[in-house]
Amino acid sequence: MNYVIGIDIGTRTSKAVVIGDGGRVIVRHILNSGYDYSSIAIRLRDEVLRIADLDLHDISSIVATGHGSKKISFSNTRKADILCCAKGITSSCPRVRTVVDIQRTYTQVIRFDESGKIKNYAISEKCATGCGCFLEIISNVLRVGEEELGPLSMNCETPLNFSTGCAVFGESEVISRVSEGFRKEDIIGGIHKAIANKILNMLNRIGIEKECAVCGGGALNMGLIKCMEQTLDCELLIPSDPQFINALGAALMAEAN
């Protein structure tokens, strides 16, 4: 049997997917990235091989993607994560034509055809307010776990308005709202609304085409997803294991090599 690996080295987590013949997923595995991308890539490769009960000589191709992909010395090739995202989501959700990929350091929106060929895309500006890093900052300010943000925002009664587009000033604004006695639930609901509005602006630039899906770590935040659905006025599809979509796309590209 032919086996291939896709590895996605992100700024916070690193993911690997092993697939066999016919694109069948054998193993998914995730680790925290830390700061040494080269070491974490080797550890991720070795662990995913152990879990799959495979040796390196069983692998015909390895494709790397993500922020730290340049640090992977053992891959056969590197692919841009925008290409891997389109490939992975097309395989997971064939009806999808637009995807929002919410990563830690940026968000990208992509529109593509039925074959996964990209027709248009946009990537958020360098400021962190449109991506997962901003939620990480807010969770630290509010002293709640990031996994609590979604459930808390589901109990939002009146989402606060946040006017700033800068993460630094946004953090200061949240601190002010806390000192004024506003509920955490309403603060988080307002942050989700601000992120959803940024994503809406990006989608308006490329032209949203249904069906629309969300992937990346941000797709695990159901409070954010609910807010996005209200803002975009459409139902969003969430693939299984959305944080693995880019690694899956990389593996499928390795299979095609």
C-alpha atoms as a PDB file:
ATOM      1  CA  MET A   1       0.000   0.000   0.000  1.00  0.00           C
ATOM      2  CA  ASN A   2       1.124   3.535  -0.783  1.00  0.00           C
ATOM      3  CA  TYR A   3       1.350   5.943   2.188  1.00  0.00           C
ATOM      4  CA  VAL A   4       1.973   9.686   2.180  1.00  0.00           C
ATOM      5  CA  ILE A   5       2.146  12.388   4.872  1.00  0.00           C
ATOM      6  CA  GLY A   6       1.021  15.991   4.976  1.00  0.00           C
ATOM      7  CA  ILE A   7       2.558  18.167   7.694  1.00  0.00           C
ATOM      8  CA  ASP A   8       1.280  21.616   8.669  1.00  0.00           C
ATOM      9  CA  ILE A   9       3.621  23.540  10.996  1.00  0.00           C
ATOM     10  CA  GLY A  10       1.641  26.405  12.501  1.00  0.00           C
ATOM     11  CA  THR A  11       2.702  29.072  14.973  1.00  0.00           C
ATOM     12  CA  ARG A  12       0.773  27.422  17.798  1.00  0.00           C
ATOM     13  CA  THR A  13       0.093  23.821  16.779  1.00  0.00           C
ATOM     14  CA  SER A  14       1.563  21.437  14.248  1.00  0.00           C
ATOM     15  CA  LYS A  15      -0.548  18.801  12.525  1.00  0.00           C
ATOM     16  CA  ALA A  16       0.189  15.681  10.498  1.00  0.00           C
ATOM     17  CA  VAL A  17      -2.080  13.477   8.412  1.00  0.00           C
ATOM     18  CA  VAL A  18      -1.162  10.076   6.998  1.00  0.00           C
ATOM     19  CA  ILE A  19      -3.247   8.797   4.110  1.00  0.00           C
ATOM     20  CA  GLY A  20      -3.196   5.516   2.244  1.00  0.00           C
ATOM     21  CA  ASP A  21      -4.451   4.468  -1.164  1.00  0.00           C
ATOM     22  CA  GLY A  22      -7.521   6.301  -2.374  1.00  0.00           C
ATOM     23  CA  GLY A  23      -7.036   9.226  -0.009  1.00  0.00           C
ATOM     24  CA  ARG A  24      -8.118   7.221   3.052  1.00  0.00           C
ATOM     25  CA  VAL A  25      -6.976   8.922   6.271  1.00  0.00           C
ATOM     26  CA  ILE A  26      -4.975   6.509   8.424  1.00  0.00           C
ATOM     27  CA  VAL A  27      -3.863   8.782  11.267  1.00  0.00           C
ATOM     28  CA  ARG A  28      -4.214  12.412  12.391  1.00  0.00           C
ATOM     29  CA  HIS A  29      -1.870  13.819  15.027  1.00  0.00           C
ATOM     30  CA  ILE A  30      -1.323  17.245  16.609  1.00  0.00           C
ATOM     31  CA  LEU A  31       1.376  18.765  18.822  1.00  0.00           C
ATOM     32  CA  ASN A  32       2.084  22.204  20.245  1.00  0.00           C
ATOM     33  CA  SER A  33       4.612  23.927  17.983  1.00  0.00           C
ATOM     34  CA  GLY A  34       6.791  25.719  20.516  1.00  0.00           C
ATOM     35  CA  TYR A  35       9.631  27.765  19.005  1.00  0.00           C
ATOM     36  CA  ASP A  36      11.861  25.118  17.390  1.00  0.00           C
ATOM     37  CA  TYR A  37       9.902  24.224  14.258  1.00  0.00           C
ATOM     38  CA  SER A  38      12.607  21.906  12.966  1.00  0.00           C
ATOM     39  CA  SER A  39      12.586  19.746  16.102  1.00  0.00           C
ATOM     40  CA  ILE A  40       8.800  19.668  16.391  1.00  0.00           C
ATOM     41  CA  ALA A  41       8.500  18.601  12.742  1.00  0.00           C
ATOM     42  CA  ILE A  42      10.809  15.639  13.343  1.00  0.00           C
ATOM     43  CA  ARG A  43       8.979  14.709  16.546  1.00  0.00           C
ATOM     44  CA  LEU A  44       5.603  14.989  14.789  1.00  0.00           C
ATOM     45  CA  ARG A  45       6.795  12.789  11.917  1.00  0.00           C
ATOM     46  CA  ASP A  46       8.202  10.153  14.247  1.00  0.00           C
ATOM     47  CA  GLU A  47       5.107  10.071  16.458  1.00  0.00           C
ATOM     48  CA  VAL A  48       2.652   9.856  13.585  1.00  0.00           C
ATOM     49  CA  LEU A  49       4.662   6.991  12.077  1.00  0.00           C
ATOM     50  CA  ARG A  50       4.638   5.180  15.418  1.00  0.00           C
ATOM     51  CA  ILE A  51       0.878   5.635  15.813  1.00  0.00           C
ATOM     52  CA  ALA A  52       0.304   4.410  12.255  1.00  0.00           C
ATOM     53  CA  ASP A  53       2.686   1.480  12.845  1.00  0.00           C
ATOM     54  CA  LEU A  54       4.739   2.488   9.825  1.00  0.00           C
ATOM     55  CA  ASP A  55       8.427   3.080   9.084  1.00  0.00           C
ATOM     56  CA  LEU A  56       9.821   5.997   7.132  1.00  0.00           C
ATOM     57  CA  HIS A  57      10.597   3.726   4.177  1.00  0.00           C
ATOM     58  CA  ASP A  58       6.850   2.973   3.942  1.00  0.00           C
ATOM     59  CA  ILE A  59       6.224   6.642   3.055  1.00  0.00           C
ATOM     60  CA  SER A  60       6.459   7.555  -0.612  1.00  0.00           C
ATOM     61  CA  SER A  61       6.106  11.324  -0.246  1.00  0.00           C
ATOM     62  CA  ILE A  62       5.891  14.062   2.403  1.00  0.00           C
ATOM     63  CA  VAL A  63       4.501  17.537   1.674  1.00  0.00           C
ATOM     64  CA  ALA A  64       4.970  20.387   4.156  1.00  0.00           C
ATOM     65  CA  THR A  65       2.924  23.540   4.584  1.00  0.00           C
ATOM     66  CA  GLY A  66       2.351  26.247   7.174  1.00  0.00           C
ATOM     67  CA  HIS A  67       4.334  29.001   8.841  1.00  0.00           C
ATOM     68  CA  GLY A  68       7.249  26.763   9.806  1.00  0.00           C
ATOM     69  CA  SER A  69       7.371  24.593   6.673  1.00  0.00           C
ATOM     70  CA  LYS A  70      10.742  26.021   5.621  1.00  0.00           C
ATOM     71  CA  LYS A  71      12.237  24.426   8.729  1.00  0.00           C
ATOM     72  CA  ILE A  72      11.213  20.900   7.670  1.00  0.00           C
ATOM     73  CA  SER A  73      14.332  19.310   6.235  1.00  0.00           C
ATOM     74  CA  PHE A  74      12.844  15.923   5.355  1.00  0.00           C
ATOM     75  CA  SER A  75       9.858  16.884   3.194  1.00  0.00           C
ATOM     76  CA  ASN A  76       9.857  16.212  -0.536  1.00  0.00           C
ATOM     77  CA  THR A  77       8.310  19.596  -1.264  1.00  0.00           C
ATOM     78  CA  ARG A  78       6.540  22.586   0.291  1.00  0.00           C
ATOM     79  CA  LYS A  79       3.145  23.961  -0.714  1.00  0.00           C
ATOM     80  CA  ALA A  80       1.452  27.237   0.170  1.00  0.00           C
ATOM     81  CA  ASP A  81      -1.199  26.766   2.836  1.00  0.00           C
ATOM     82  CA  ILE A  82      -3.796  28.524   0.677  1.00  0.00           C
ATOM     83  CA  LEU A  83      -3.432  25.717  -1.886  1.00  0.00           C
ATOM     84  CA  CYS A  84      -3.513  23.034   0.813  1.00  0.00           C
ATOM     85  CA  CYS A  85      -6.593  24.596   2.390  1.00  0.00           C
ATOM     86  CA  ALA A  86      -8.495  24.580  -0.920  1.00  0.00           C
ATOM     87  CA  LYS A  87      -7.427  20.981  -1.578  1.00  0.00           C
ATOM     88  CA  GLY A  88      -8.327  19.769   1.891  1.00  0.00           C
ATOM     89  CA  ILE A  89     -11.725  21.438   2.108  1.00  0.00           C
ATOM     90  CA  THR A  90     -12.697  20.316  -1.402  1.00  0.00           C
ATOM     91  CA  SER A  91     -11.996  16.733  -0.356  1.00  0.00           C
ATOM     92  CA  SER A  92     -13.832  17.027   2.979  1.00  0.00           C
ATOM     93  CA  CYS A  93     -16.803  19.111   1.798  1.00  0.00           C
ATOM     94  CA  PRO A  94     -17.197  18.758  -1.990  1.00  0.00           C
ATOM     95  CA  ARG A  95     -20.147  21.205  -2.132  1.00  0.00           C
ATOM     96  CA  VAL A  96     -18.151  24.060  -0.589  1.00  0.00           C
ATOM     97  CA  ARG A  97     -17.059  26.922  -2.857  1.00  0.00           C
ATOM     98  CA  THR A  98     -15.874  29.438  -0.235  1.00  0.00           C
ATOM     99  CA  VAL A  99     -13.837  28.755   2.884  1.00  0.00           C
ATOM    100  CA  VAL A 100     -12.771  30.881   5.851  1.00  0.00           C
ATOM    101  CA  ASP A 101      -9.519  29.606   7.353  1.00  0.00           C
ATOM    102  CA  ILE A 102      -9.089  31.120  10.842  1.00  0.00           C
ATOM    103  CA  GLN A 103      -5.528  30.573  11.984  1.00  0.00           C
ATOM    104  CA  ARG A 104      -3.645  31.928  14.970  1.00  0.00           C
ATOM    105  CA  THR A 105      -1.743  34.708  13.178  1.00  0.00           C
ATOM    106  CA  TYR A 106      -4.067  35.505  10.283  1.00  0.00           C
ATOM    107  CA  THR A 107      -7.313  34.616   8.567  1.00  0.00           C
ATOM    108  CA  GLN A 108      -7.660  33.845   4.883  1.00  0.00           C
ATOM    109  CA  VAL A 109     -10.800  33.548   2.779  1.00  0.00           C
ATOM    110  CA  ILE A 110     -10.725  31.560  -0.453  1.00  0.00           C
ATOM    111  CA  ARG A 111     -13.188  31.054  -3.298  1.00  0.00           C
ATOM    112  CA  PHE A 112     -12.614  28.126  -5.650  1.00  0.00           C
ATOM    113  CA  ASP A 113     -14.320  25.956  -8.257  1.00  0.00           C
ATOM    114  CA  GLU A 114     -15.452  22.342  -7.992  1.00  0.00           C
ATOM    115  CA  SER A 115     -11.938  21.051  -8.754  1.00  0.00           C
ATOM    116  CA  GLY A 116     -10.372  23.160  -5.986  1.00  0.00           C
ATOM    117  CA  LYS A 117      -8.846  25.684  -8.403  1.00  0.00           C
ATOM    118  CA  ILE A 118      -8.647  29.041  -6.646  1.00  0.00           C
ATOM    119  CA  LYS A 119     -10.707  31.836  -8.237  1.00  0.00           C
ATOM    120  CA  ASN A 120     -10.084  34.567  -5.648  1.00  0.00           C
ATOM    121  CA  TYR A 121      -8.740  35.002  -2.131  1.00  0.00           C
ATOM    122  CA  ALA A 122      -7.916  37.555   0.550  1.00  0.00           C
ATOM    123  CA  ILE A 123      -5.683  37.437   3.610  1.00  0.00           C
ATOM    124  CA  SER A 124      -6.162  39.549   6.729  1.00  0.00           C
ATOM    125  CA  GLU A 125      -3.766  42.388   7.388  1.00  0.00           C
ATOM    126  CA  LYS A 126      -0.903  41.942   9.836  1.00  0.00           C
ATOM    127  CA  CYS A 127      -2.903  43.243  12.809  1.00  0.00           C
ATOM    128  CA  ALA A 128      -4.122  40.332  14.959  1.00  0.00           C
ATOM    129  CA  THR A 129      -7.718  41.508  15.437  1.00  0.00           C
ATOM    130  CA  GLY A 130      -9.071  39.256  12.700  1.00  0.00           C
ATOM    131  CA  CYS A 131      -7.578  35.963  13.851  1.00  0.00           C
ATOM    132  CA  GLY A 132      -7.108  33.530  16.709  1.00  0.00           C
ATOM    133  CA  CYS A 133      -4.245  35.446  18.300  1.00  0.00           C
ATOM    134  CA  PHE A 134      -6.651  38.219  19.294  1.00  0.00           C
ATOM    135  CA  LEU A 135      -8.883  35.687  21.043  1.00  0.00           C
ATOM    136  CA  GLU A 136      -5.806  34.378  22.831  1.00  0.00           C
ATOM    137  CA  ILE A 137      -5.027  37.907  24.044  1.00  0.00           C
ATOM    138  CA  ILE A 138      -8.621  38.447  25.183  1.00  0.00           C
ATOM    139  CA  SER A 139      -8.737  35.149  27.072  1.00  0.00           C
ATOM    140  CA  ASN A 140      -5.630  36.232  28.992  1.00  0.00           C
ATOM    141  CA  VAL A 141      -7.190  39.596  29.841  1.00  0.00           C
ATOM    142  CA  LEU A 142     -10.430  37.969  31.004  1.00  0.00           C
ATOM    143  CA  ARG A 143      -8.547  35.148  32.758  1.00  0.00           C
ATOM    144  CA  VAL A 144     -10.524  32.392  31.109  1.00  0.00           C
ATOM    145  CA  GLY A 145      -9.328  29.479  29.003  1.00  0.00           C
ATOM    146  CA  GLU A 146      -9.586  29.887  25.248  1.00  0.00           C
ATOM    147  CA  GLU A 147     -11.860  26.843  25.180  1.00  0.00           C
ATOM    148  CA  GLU A 148     -14.270  28.785  27.426  1.00  0.00           C
ATOM    149  CA  LEU A 149     -14.698  31.725  25.030  1.00  0.00           C
ATOM    150  CA  GLY A 150     -17.220  29.983  22.784  1.00  0.00           C
ATOM    151  CA  PRO A 151     -19.503  28.669  25.554  1.00  0.00           C
ATOM    152  CA  LEU A 152     -19.368  31.991  27.424  1.00  0.00           C
ATOM    153  CA  SER A 153     -20.308  34.016  24.353  1.00  0.00           C
ATOM    154  CA  MET A 154     -23.327  31.775  23.764  1.00  0.00           C
ATOM    155  CA  ASN A 155     -24.752  33.406  26.903  1.00  0.00           C
ATOM    156  CA  CYS A 156     -24.154  36.912  25.572  1.00  0.00           C
ATOM    157  CA  GLU A 157     -27.131  39.208  26.106  1.00  0.00           C
ATOM    158  CA  THR A 158     -25.895  42.482  24.605  1.00  0.00           C
ATOM    159  CA  PRO A 159     -22.623  42.279  22.662  1.00  0.00           C
ATOM    160  CA  LEU A 160     -20.438  45.316  23.242  1.00  0.00           C
ATOM    161  CA  ASN A 161     -19.230  47.400  20.322  1.00  0.00           C
ATOM    162  CA  PHE A 162     -15.478  47.531  19.807  1.00  0.00           C
ATOM    163  CA  SER A 163     -14.403  50.325  17.514  1.00  0.00           C
ATOM    164  CA  THR A 164     -10.708  49.617  17.149  1.00  0.00           C
ATOM    165  CA  GLY A 165      -9.088  47.552  14.420  1.00  0.00           C
ATOM    166  CA  CYS A 166      -5.830  47.171  16.337  1.00  0.00           C
ATOM    167  CA  ALA A 167      -5.131  44.301  18.725  1.00  0.00           C
ATOM    168  CA  VAL A 168      -3.122  46.500  21.111  1.00  0.00           C
ATOM    169  CA  PHE A 169      -5.878  49.094  21.437  1.00  0.00           C
ATOM    170  CA  GLY A 170      -8.470  46.325  21.427  1.00  0.00           C
ATOM    171  CA  GLU A 171      -6.805  44.786  24.471  1.00  0.00           C
ATOM    172  CA  SER A 172      -6.873  48.167  26.219  1.00  0.00           C
ATOM    173  CA  GLU A 173     -10.525  48.582  25.305  1.00  0.00           C
ATOM    174  CA  VAL A 174     -11.380  45.187  26.816  1.00  0.00           C
ATOM    175  CA  ILE A 175      -9.510  46.065  30.024  1.00  0.00           C
ATOM    176  CA  SER A 176     -11.564  49.259  30.238  1.00  0.00           C
ATOM    177  CA  ARG A 177     -14.816  47.331  29.764  1.00  0.00           C
ATOM    178  CA  VAL A 178     -13.843  44.901  32.522  1.00  0.00           C
ATOM    179  CA  SER A 179     -13.092  47.771  34.915  1.00  0.00           C
ATOM    180  CA  GLU A 180     -16.484  49.298  34.030  1.00  0.00           C
ATOM    181  CA  GLY A 181     -18.164  46.109  35.209  1.00  0.00           C
ATOM    182  CA  PHE A 182     -19.455  44.685  31.932  1.00  0.00           C
ATOM    183  CA  ARG A 183     -20.137  40.950  31.812  1.00  0.00           C
ATOM    184  CA  LYS A 184     -17.470  38.718  30.335  1.00  0.00           C
ATOM    185  CA  GLU A 185     -20.121  37.093  28.164  1.00  0.00           C
ATOM    186  CA  ASP A 186     -21.045  40.436  26.565  1.00  0.00           C
ATOM    187  CA  ILE A 187     -17.386  41.404  26.109  1.00  0.00           C
ATOM    188  CA  ILE A 188     -16.597  38.133  24.342  1.00  0.00           C
ATOM    189  CA  GLY A 189     -19.764  38.419  22.264  1.00  0.00           C
ATOM    190  CA  GLY A 190     -18.614  41.869  21.148  1.00  0.00           C
ATOM    191  CA  ILE A 191     -15.154  40.568  20.246  1.00  0.00           C
ATOM    192  CA  HIS A 192     -16.696  37.767  18.198  1.00  0.00           C
ATOM    193  CA  LYS A 193     -18.900  40.314  16.443  1.00  0.00           C
ATOM    194  CA  ALA A 194     -15.865  42.469  15.604  1.00  0.00           C
ATOM    195  CA  ILE A 195     -14.018  39.468  14.149  1.00  0.00           C
ATOM    196  CA  ALA A 196     -17.107  38.399  12.195  1.00  0.00           C
ATOM    197  CA  ASN A 197     -17.414  41.886  10.682  1.00  0.00           C
ATOM    198  CA  LYS A 198     -13.767  41.788   9.588  1.00  0.00           C
ATOM    199  CA  ILE A 199     -14.324  38.419   7.946  1.00  0.00           C
ATOM    200  CA  LEU A 200     -17.480  39.739   6.242  1.00  0.00           C
ATOM    201  CA  ASN A 201     -15.452  42.596   4.753  1.00  0.00           C
ATOM    202  CA  MET A 202     -12.891  40.122   3.428  1.00  0.00           C
ATOM    203  CA  LEU A 203     -15.594  37.926   1.911  1.00  0.00           C
ATOM    204  CA  ASN A 204     -17.206  40.937   0.267  1.00  0.00           C
ATOM    205  CA  ARG A 205     -13.874  41.635  -1.422  1.00  0.00           C
ATOM    206  CA  ILE A 206     -13.636  38.191  -3.027  1.00  0.00           C
ATOM    207  CA  GLY A 207     -17.350  37.514  -3.519  1.00  0.00           C
ATOM    208  CA  ILE A 208     -18.830  34.829  -1.274  1.00  0.00           C
ATOM    209  CA  GLU A 209     -20.145  31.786  -3.104  1.00  0.00           C
ATOM    210  CA  LYS A 210     -22.183  29.156  -1.262  1.00  0.00           C
ATOM    211  CA  GLU A 211     -21.697  26.693   0.240  1.00  0.00           C
ATOM    212  CA  CYS A 212     -19.337  28.332   2.730  1.00  0.00           C
ATOM    213  CA  ALA A 213     -17.209  26.489   5.299  1.00  0.00           C
ATOM    214  CA  VAL A 214     -14.901  27.430   8.167  1.00  0.00           C
ATOM    215  CA  CYS A 215     -11.683  25.600   9.032  1.00  0.00           C
ATOM    216  CA  GLY A 216      -8.593  26.146  11.145  1.00  0.00           C
ATOM    217  CA  GLY A 217      -8.501  26.358  14.926  1.00  0.00           C
ATOM    218  CA  GLY A 218     -11.079  29.145  14.920  1.00  0.00           C
ATOM    219  CA  ALA A 219     -13.702  26.703  13.654  1.00  0.00           C
ATOM    220  CA  LEU A 220     -13.650  25.014  17.067  1.00  0.00           C
ATOM    221  CA  ASN A 221     -15.093  28.163  18.675  1.00  0.00           C
ATOM    222  CA  MET A 222     -18.832  27.609  18.281  1.00  0.00           C
ATOM    223  CA  GLY A 223     -19.653  31.012  19.774  1.00  0.00           C
ATOM    224  CA  LEU A 224     -17.646  32.658  17.001  1.00  0.00           C
ATOM    225  CA  ILE A 225     -19.267  30.419  14.386  1.00  0.00           C
ATOM    226  CA  LYS A 226     -22.747  31.362  15.597  1.00  0.00           C
ATOM    227  CA  CYS A 227     -21.841  35.054  15.440  1.00  0.00           C
ATOM    228  CA  MET A 228     -20.402  34.634  11.939  1.00  0.00           C
ATOM    229  CA  GLU A 229     -23.584  32.916  10.771  1.00  0.00           C
ATOM    230  CA  GLN A 230     -25.651  35.829  12.044  1.00  0.00           C
ATOM    231  CA  THR A 231     -23.322  38.390  10.455  1.00  0.00           C
ATOM    232  CA  LEU A 232     -23.005  36.574   7.104  1.00  0.00           C
ATOM    233  CA  ASP A 233     -26.669  35.539   7.119  1.00  0.00           C
ATOM    234  CA  CYS A 234     -25.882  31.986   6.053  1.00  0.00           C
ATOM    235  CA  GLU A 235     -25.273  28.567   7.553  1.00  0.00           C
ATOM    236  CA  LEU A 236     -21.622  27.626   7.769  1.00  0.00           C
ATOM    237  CA  LEU A 237     -20.302  24.112   7.256  1.00  0.00           C
ATOM    238  CA  ILE A 238     -17.699  22.843   9.719  1.00  0.00           C
ATOM    239  CA  PRO A 239     -15.674  19.851   8.483  1.00  0.00           C
ATOM    240  CA  SER A 240     -14.632  17.067  10.813  1.00  0.00           C
ATOM    241  CA  ASP A 241     -11.383  17.959  12.585  1.00  0.00           C
ATOM    242  CA  PRO A 242     -11.269  21.436  10.995  1.00  0.00           C
ATOM    243  CA  GLN A 243      -7.799  22.210  12.326  1.00  0.00           C
ATOM    244  CA  PHE A 244      -6.384  19.382  10.147  1.00  0.00           C
ATOM    245  CA  ILE A 245      -7.712  20.622   6.791  1.00  0.00           C
ATOM    246  CA  ASN A 246      -4.424  22.129   5.599  1.00  0.00           C
ATOM    247  CA  ALA A 247      -2.436  19.064   6.652  1.00  0.00           C
ATOM    248  CA  LEU A 248      -4.981  16.899   4.825  1.00  0.00           C
ATOM    249  CA  GLY A 249      -4.601  19.056   1.721  1.00  0.00           C
ATOM    250  CA  ALA A 250      -0.818  18.682   1.932  1.00  0.00           C
ATOM    251  CA  ALA A 251      -1.182  14.894   2.194  1.00  0.00           C
ATOM    252  CA  LEU A 252      -3.484  14.808  -0.839  1.00  0.00           C
ATOM    253  CA  MET A 253      -0.922  16.813  -2.777  1.00  0.00           C
ATOM    254  CA  ALA A 254       1.757  14.339  -1.698  1.00  0.00           C
ATOM    255  CA  GLU A 255      -0.451  11.545  -3.022  1.00  0.00           C
ATOM    256  CA  ALA A 256      -0.705  13.312  -6.382  1.00  0.00           C
ATOM    257  CA  ASN A 257       3.081  13.656  -6.728  1.00  0.00           C
END
